Amino acid sequence: VSTLSQAGSGVGPAQASTTGRNGGVVQLVGQDGTVVASDRPERLKVALRTTPGVTESAVVPGLADSFTLVARRATGDTGVALIIVGRSTEQRHETRAETAGVLATAVPLIVLALGLILWISVGRALRPVEVMREEADRITVAQLRRRLQIPPGEDEIPRLARTLNEMLDRIDEGQRLQRQFVSDASHELRSPLAVIRQAAEIASAY
C-alpha cells in the first residue's frame, strides 16, 4: 500500500521501491516490461509478474523463501506501469506453527478446566440425590414412619423426593392393613378354638 501511494504521488521509482523490510520484495515494472527499480537491484532484474494479479507462492530468484506476490497497475505519469509487492510466506508458516503450538497447549487445558467445572457442577446438582439415598437407606421396617426430606424447588429432584415419600406411604399403609388383618383373624379364631379346646378337655377327662 505504501509503495502504491508513493508511486502515485510522484515519488521516484528508486525511493518508492525501498521497503526497509527483510521479508518483502518490491519491483516497479516499466511500460516495456523491464524492471525500472527494485529493493534488491542486484537480484530482482527480471519482472516477477507481467500482469496485475496475485500469486500465492512464487519463487524469487536468489531468495530461499517463497513469496506471495501482488501486482497492481500504477497510476500517474511516473514511467511505471506495474507495481509488484511480495511478502515472504515464512512468516505465515511461522504464525501457523505458533498458533498450532498455542492451540496444542491451550485446548487440553481448556478441556480439562471444562471437565473439572462440569464434574463439580454435576456433583453439586446430584448432592440432594445422595442425601435422599442415605436417608432411604436408614428407613427399615421398624421405621416406616420416617420420610425423606424434600429439597426446595420444583425441579426433578424435589418431585423425586415427593414420589418416594408417597411410595413409603403406600408401603406403610400396606403394613398397617396386614397387621390389622392378622389381628382380626386371630380375634375371630380365638372363640372357636376356645370351644374346641374345652370340648377336647372334657372328652379327655371323661
Protein backbone atom coordinates (compact mmCIF):
# COMPACT_ATOMS: atom_id res chain seq x y z
CA VAL A 1 0.00 0.00 0.00
CA SER A 2 2.82 2.39 0.84
CA THR A 3 4.57 1.65 -2.45
CA LEU A 4 1.37 2.23 -4.42
CA SER A 5 0.69 5.54 -2.69
CA GLN A 6 4.27 6.72 -3.15
CA ALA A 7 4.33 5.82 -6.83
CA GLY A 8 1.01 7.56 -7.36
CA SER A 9 2.15 10.73 -5.59
CA GLY A 10 5.11 11.29 -7.91
CA VAL A 11 7.92 9.79 -5.81
CA GLY A 12 10.70 8.38 -7.94
CA PRO A 13 10.86 4.64 -8.61
CA ALA A 14 14.08 4.22 -6.62
CA GLN A 15 12.57 5.77 -3.48
CA ALA A 16 9.18 4.04 -3.86
CA SER A 17 10.77 0.62 -4.15
CA THR A 18 12.64 0.91 -0.85
CA THR A 19 10.76 -1.14 1.80
CA GLY A 20 13.25 -1.42 4.63
CA ARG A 21 11.88 -4.91 5.39
CA ASN A 22 13.76 -8.17 5.10
CA GLY A 23 10.63 -10.22 4.47
CA GLY A 24 9.36 -8.27 1.46
CA VAL A 25 10.28 -7.56 -2.14
CA VAL A 26 9.22 -4.68 -4.39
CA GLN A 27 9.52 -4.28 -8.14
CA LEU A 28 8.48 -1.38 -10.33
CA VAL A 29 7.99 -2.50 -13.92
CA GLY A 30 8.02 -0.03 -16.79
CA GLN A 31 5.83 0.17 -19.86
CA ASP A 32 8.20 -2.07 -21.84
CA GLY A 33 8.15 -4.84 -19.18
CA THR A 34 11.61 -4.14 -17.80
CA VAL A 35 12.33 -3.63 -14.11
CA VAL A 36 12.65 0.12 -13.51
CA ALA A 37 13.52 -0.18 -9.82
CA SER A 38 13.67 -2.81 -7.11
CA ASP A 39 14.55 -3.03 -3.44
CA ARG A 40 17.08 -5.69 -4.44
CA PRO A 41 18.55 -4.40 -7.73
CA GLU A 42 21.32 -6.97 -7.75
CA ARG A 43 18.84 -9.87 -7.72
CA LEU A 44 15.44 -8.77 -8.95
CA LYS A 45 16.35 -7.92 -12.53
CA VAL A 46 13.50 -9.87 -14.18
CA ALA A 47 9.85 -8.93 -13.59
CA LEU A 48 8.19 -11.41 -11.26
CA ARG A 49 4.81 -10.77 -12.93
CA THR A 50 3.82 -9.13 -16.19
CA THR A 51 0.10 -8.65 -15.45
CA PRO A 52 -1.88 -7.47 -12.43
CA GLY A 53 -2.98 -10.22 -10.07
CA VAL A 54 -1.91 -12.36 -7.13
CA THR A 55 0.50 -15.29 -6.94
CA GLU A 56 0.13 -17.23 -3.73
CA SER A 57 3.50 -18.98 -3.74
CA ALA A 58 6.24 -17.76 -6.05
CA VAL A 59 9.97 -18.44 -6.16
CA VAL A 60 12.08 -15.30 -6.28
CA PRO A 61 15.49 -15.74 -7.91
CA GLY A 62 18.28 -15.55 -5.37
CA LEU A 63 16.00 -15.90 -2.34
CA ALA A 64 15.31 -19.10 -0.44
CA ASP A 65 11.81 -18.26 0.79
CA SER A 66 8.67 -18.45 -1.28
CA PHE A 67 6.67 -15.25 -1.65
CA THR A 68 3.09 -14.15 -2.09
CA LEU A 69 3.10 -11.60 -4.92
CA VAL A 70 0.54 -8.87 -5.52
CA ALA A 71 0.74 -6.86 -8.75
CA ARG A 72 -1.23 -3.66 -9.38
CA ARG A 73 -1.22 -1.14 -12.21
CA ALA A 74 0.40 2.16 -11.33
CA THR A 75 -1.31 5.48 -11.79
CA GLY A 76 0.28 8.78 -12.65
CA ASP A 77 2.99 9.81 -15.10
CA THR A 78 5.96 8.17 -13.40
CA GLY A 79 7.07 5.79 -16.12
CA VAL A 80 5.91 2.83 -14.00
CA ALA A 81 3.25 0.53 -15.44
CA LEU A 82 3.12 -2.21 -12.83
CA ILE A 83 3.95 -2.34 -9.13
CA ILE A 84 4.78 -5.77 -7.71
CA VAL A 85 4.96 -6.30 -3.97
CA GLY A 86 5.90 -9.63 -2.42
CA ARG A 87 5.72 -10.91 1.14
CA SER A 88 7.60 -13.94 2.40
CA THR A 89 5.38 -16.91 3.29
CA GLU A 90 7.81 -17.92 6.02
CA GLN A 91 6.13 -15.56 8.47
CA ARG A 92 2.78 -17.07 7.61
CA HIS A 93 4.14 -20.56 8.21
CA GLU A 94 5.71 -19.43 11.48
CA THR A 95 2.44 -17.86 12.55
CA ARG A 96 0.59 -21.06 11.74
CA ALA A 97 3.15 -23.10 13.67
CA GLU A 98 2.90 -20.76 16.66
CA THR A 99 -0.89 -20.89 16.50
CA ALA A 100 -0.82 -24.68 16.34
CA GLY A 101 1.53 -24.76 19.33
CA VAL A 102 -0.70 -22.45 21.32
CA LEU A 103 -3.77 -24.49 20.45
CA ALA A 104 -1.98 -27.74 21.30
CA THR A 105 -1.30 -26.34 24.76
CA ALA A 106 -4.48 -24.34 25.32
CA VAL A 107 -7.07 -26.82 24.07
CA PRO A 108 -6.18 -29.63 26.54
CA LEU A 109 -6.11 -27.10 29.39
CA ILE A 110 -9.49 -25.71 28.36
CA VAL A 111 -10.94 -29.21 28.06
CA LEU A 112 -9.52 -30.11 31.48
CA ALA A 113 -10.96 -26.95 33.02
CA LEU A 114 -14.35 -27.56 31.43
CA GLY A 115 -14.29 -31.17 32.63
CA LEU A 116 -13.47 -30.06 36.17
CA ILE A 117 -16.20 -27.42 36.13
CA LEU A 118 -18.69 -29.97 34.76
CA TRP A 119 -17.70 -32.55 37.39
CA ILE A 120 -18.13 -30.02 40.22
CA SER A 121 -21.44 -28.79 38.80
CA VAL A 122 -22.84 -32.30 38.37
CA GLY A 123 -21.63 -33.26 41.86
CA ARG A 124 -23.41 -30.28 43.37
CA ALA A 125 -26.55 -30.95 41.36
CA LEU A 126 -26.66 -34.61 42.43
CA ARG A 127 -25.81 -33.96 46.08
CA PRO A 128 -29.52 -33.90 47.12
CA VAL A 129 -29.96 -37.30 45.44
CA GLU A 130 -27.12 -38.71 47.57
CA VAL A 131 -28.73 -37.23 50.69
CA MET A 132 -32.04 -38.91 49.79
CA ARG A 133 -30.24 -42.19 49.19
CA GLU A 134 -28.64 -42.05 52.64
CA GLU A 135 -31.99 -41.23 54.27
CA ALA A 136 -33.74 -44.03 52.38
CA ASP A 137 -31.02 -46.47 53.45
CA ARG A 138 -31.79 -45.69 57.12
CA ILE A 139 -35.50 -46.46 56.74
CA THR A 140 -36.29 -50.00 57.93
CA VAL A 141 -39.46 -51.99 58.65
CA ALA A 142 -39.41 -50.69 62.22
CA GLN A 143 -39.08 -47.09 60.99
CA LEU A 144 -41.61 -46.90 58.17
CA ARG A 145 -42.92 -43.63 59.62
CA ARG A 146 -39.76 -41.82 58.58
CA ARG A 147 -39.87 -39.78 55.39
CA LEU A 148 -37.33 -38.21 53.08
CA GLN A 149 -36.55 -34.52 53.36
CA ILE A 150 -37.85 -32.68 50.29
CA PRO A 151 -35.30 -30.22 48.83
CA PRO A 152 -36.54 -26.73 47.95
CA GLY A 153 -37.63 -26.04 44.40
CA GLU A 154 -39.89 -27.55 41.78
CA ASP A 155 -37.44 -29.41 39.57
CA GLU A 156 -36.90 -33.14 39.14
CA ILE A 157 -35.17 -33.81 42.48
CA PRO A 158 -37.97 -32.42 44.74
CA ARG A 159 -40.51 -34.30 42.64
CA LEU A 160 -38.47 -37.48 43.08
CA ALA A 161 -38.42 -36.97 46.85
CA ARG A 162 -42.21 -36.49 46.95
CA THR A 163 -42.73 -39.61 44.82
CA LEU A 164 -40.53 -41.68 47.14
CA ASN A 165 -42.43 -40.37 50.17
CA GLU A 166 -45.72 -41.33 48.52
CA MET A 167 -44.28 -44.81 47.89
CA LEU A 168 -43.30 -45.06 51.56
CA ASP A 169 -46.85 -44.01 52.50
CA ARG A 170 -48.26 -46.86 50.42
CA ILE A 171 -45.83 -49.36 51.95
CA ASP A 172 -46.69 -48.13 55.43
CA GLU A 173 -50.41 -48.41 54.67
CA GLY A 174 -49.90 -51.93 53.35
CA GLN A 175 -48.07 -52.92 56.52
CA ARG A 176 -50.86 -51.42 58.64
CA LEU A 177 -53.54 -53.33 56.73
CA GLN A 178 -51.55 -56.54 57.08
CA ARG A 179 -51.26 -56.10 60.85
CA GLN A 180 -54.98 -55.30 61.05
CA PHE A 181 -55.83 -58.45 59.11
CA VAL A 182 -53.67 -60.62 61.37
CA SER A 183 -55.26 -59.05 64.44
CA ASP A 184 -58.79 -59.55 63.12
CA ALA A 185 -58.07 -63.12 62.06
CA SER A 186 -56.62 -64.04 65.44
CA HIS A 187 -59.62 -62.50 67.19
CA GLU A 188 -62.09 -64.36 65.01
CA LEU A 189 -60.28 -67.67 65.52
CA ARG A 190 -59.91 -67.25 69.28
CA SER A 191 -63.57 -68.11 70.14
CA PRO A 192 -63.90 -71.30 68.01
CA LEU A 193 -60.52 -72.53 69.24
CA ALA A 194 -61.61 -71.98 72.83
CA VAL A 195 -64.78 -74.08 72.29
CA ILE A 196 -62.78 -76.87 70.59
CA ARG A 197 -60.21 -76.84 73.38
CA GLN A 198 -62.92 -77.02 76.05
CA ALA A 199 -64.63 -79.90 74.30
CA ALA A 200 -61.29 -81.71 73.95
CA GLU A 201 -60.50 -81.27 77.66
CA ILE A 202 -63.96 -82.60 78.66
CA ALA A 203 -63.57 -85.57 76.33
CA SER A 204 -60.14 -86.27 77.76
CA ALA A 205 -61.36 -86.09 81.34
CA TYR A 206 -64.48 -88.28 80.88
